[in-house]
Protein backbone atom coordinates (compact mmCIF):
# COMPACT_ATOMS: atom_id res chain seq x y z
CA MET A 1 59.90 -23.23 -25.35
CA ALA A 2 62.62 -21.75 -23.14
CA ILE A 3 63.65 -18.15 -23.55
CA VAL A 4 67.39 -17.61 -23.67
CA LYS A 5 68.86 -14.19 -23.01
CA LEU A 6 71.65 -13.34 -25.41
CA THR A 7 74.38 -11.52 -23.54
CA ARG A 8 76.95 -9.20 -25.07
CA GLU A 9 79.64 -11.80 -24.32
CA MET A 10 77.68 -14.49 -26.17
CA ALA A 11 77.28 -12.21 -29.19
CA GLU A 12 80.97 -11.30 -29.17
CA GLN A 13 81.94 -14.97 -28.96
CA ALA A 14 79.65 -15.83 -31.87
CA LEU A 15 81.23 -13.05 -33.93
CA ARG A 16 84.75 -14.30 -33.12
CA GLU A 17 83.82 -17.88 -34.07
CA THR A 18 82.09 -16.96 -37.33
CA ASP A 19 83.79 -18.13 -40.53
CA TRP A 20 83.60 -14.77 -42.30
CA ALA A 21 85.51 -15.97 -45.37
CA TRP A 22 82.94 -18.72 -45.94
CA LEU A 23 80.07 -16.29 -45.45
CA ASP A 24 81.61 -13.70 -47.77
CA ALA A 25 81.93 -16.35 -50.47
CA GLN A 26 78.18 -17.06 -50.41
CA SER A 27 76.06 -15.68 -53.24
CA ASP A 28 72.77 -13.95 -52.44
CA GLU A 29 70.95 -17.00 -53.80
CA GLU A 30 72.94 -19.37 -51.55
CA ILE A 31 72.23 -17.23 -48.52
CA ALA A 32 68.51 -17.10 -49.28
CA ARG A 33 68.43 -20.87 -49.82
CA ASN A 34 70.30 -21.53 -46.54
CA VAL A 35 67.89 -19.29 -44.63
CA ALA A 36 64.86 -20.90 -46.27
CA ASP A 37 66.17 -24.38 -45.41
CA ASP A 38 66.73 -23.53 -41.73
CA PRO A 39 63.46 -23.47 -39.77
CA ASP A 40 65.19 -21.67 -36.88
CA ALA A 41 66.63 -18.87 -39.00
CA PRO A 42 65.00 -15.45 -38.74
CA LYS A 43 63.81 -13.82 -41.93
CA LEU A 44 66.39 -11.93 -43.94
CA LEU A 45 66.56 -8.23 -43.18
CA THR A 46 66.71 -5.54 -45.79
CA GLU A 47 69.68 -3.17 -45.70
CA ALA A 48 67.51 -0.62 -43.86
CA GLY A 49 66.35 -3.29 -41.42
CA THR A 50 69.90 -4.37 -40.73
CA ILE A 51 71.02 -0.80 -40.06
CA SER A 52 68.05 -0.04 -37.83
CA ALA A 53 68.64 -3.28 -35.91
CA PHE A 54 72.33 -2.35 -35.55
CA ALA A 55 71.63 1.08 -34.09
CA LYS A 56 68.94 -0.24 -31.75
CA THR A 57 71.06 -3.20 -30.64
CA ILE A 58 73.94 -0.93 -29.68
CA ARG A 59 71.65 1.37 -27.70
CA GLU A 60 69.80 -1.45 -25.96
CA GLY A 61 73.08 -3.25 -25.24
CA LEU A 62 74.16 -0.19 -23.29
CA GLY A 63 70.86 -0.20 -21.40
CA LEU A 64 69.95 3.29 -22.57
CA SER A 65 66.67 4.80 -23.69
CA GLN A 66 66.65 6.60 -27.02
CA GLU A 67 66.80 9.94 -25.22
CA GLN A 68 69.69 8.87 -22.96
CA PHE A 69 71.67 7.49 -25.92
CA ALA A 70 71.04 10.62 -28.00
CA VAL A 71 72.16 12.93 -25.19
CA ARG A 72 75.21 10.88 -24.20
CA PHE A 73 76.52 10.52 -27.75
CA LYS A 74 75.35 13.89 -29.11
CA ILE A 75 73.03 12.45 -31.75
CA PRO A 76 69.79 14.33 -32.45
CA ILE A 77 66.92 12.26 -31.01
CA GLY A 78 64.95 12.51 -34.26
CA THR A 79 67.93 11.19 -36.21
CA LEU A 80 68.32 8.23 -33.86
CA ARG A 81 64.60 7.44 -34.07
CA ASP A 82 64.72 7.63 -37.87
CA TRP A 83 67.67 5.22 -37.93
CA GLU A 84 66.03 2.76 -35.54
CA GLN A 85 62.71 2.84 -37.36
CA GLY A 86 64.29 2.49 -40.79
CA ARG A 87 63.09 5.88 -42.06
CA ALA A 88 66.67 7.00 -42.67
CA LYS A 89 70.04 5.34 -42.70
CA PRO A 90 73.24 6.69 -41.24
CA ASP A 91 75.86 7.84 -43.75
CA GLY A 92 79.34 6.32 -43.72
CA ALA A 93 80.67 8.62 -40.99
CA ALA A 94 77.65 7.97 -38.77
CA MET A 95 78.01 4.20 -39.25
CA ALA A 96 81.67 4.47 -38.28
CA TYR A 97 80.64 6.48 -35.21
CA LEU A 98 78.10 3.80 -34.23
CA ARG A 99 80.81 1.14 -34.56
CA VAL A 100 83.13 3.16 -32.30
CA ILE A 101 80.32 3.56 -29.76
CA ALA A 102 79.69 -0.20 -29.90
CA ALA A 103 83.36 -0.92 -29.25
CA ARG A 104 84.24 1.84 -26.78
CA ALA A 105 81.08 3.48 -25.43
CA GLU A 106 82.56 4.65 -22.14
CA MET A 107 85.57 6.22 -23.85
CA VAL A 108 83.34 8.04 -26.36
CA ALA A 109 81.08 9.29 -23.58
CA ALA A 110 84.11 10.50 -21.59
CA VAL A 111 85.55 12.32 -24.60
CA LEU A 112 82.19 14.00 -25.17
CA GLY A 113 81.86 14.91 -21.51
CA GLY A 114 78.90 12.62 -20.89
């Protein structure tokens, strides 16, 4: 089996091409059935798993270690580790901050002096 590296551009293209209205219309049961019927689909994540994957994906996409990410974006290292390991979840403001970092990391780092 070949290993394919997913680039940021590939992920962004997939997000642009996703039919979000169709997905939003799916019930939880329909989603679970679609995943179960697709042998290539990964298992469904819990809310905590989704959030931890989100935080880790942003950090790894920037090519930063946990320590580097925490320093650059002024997030306590223990908080970041808790988010990534699913022990805690970011509140609404922290999720918004992670989304801004994902969209404009260099700008955020510049504003913070990092």
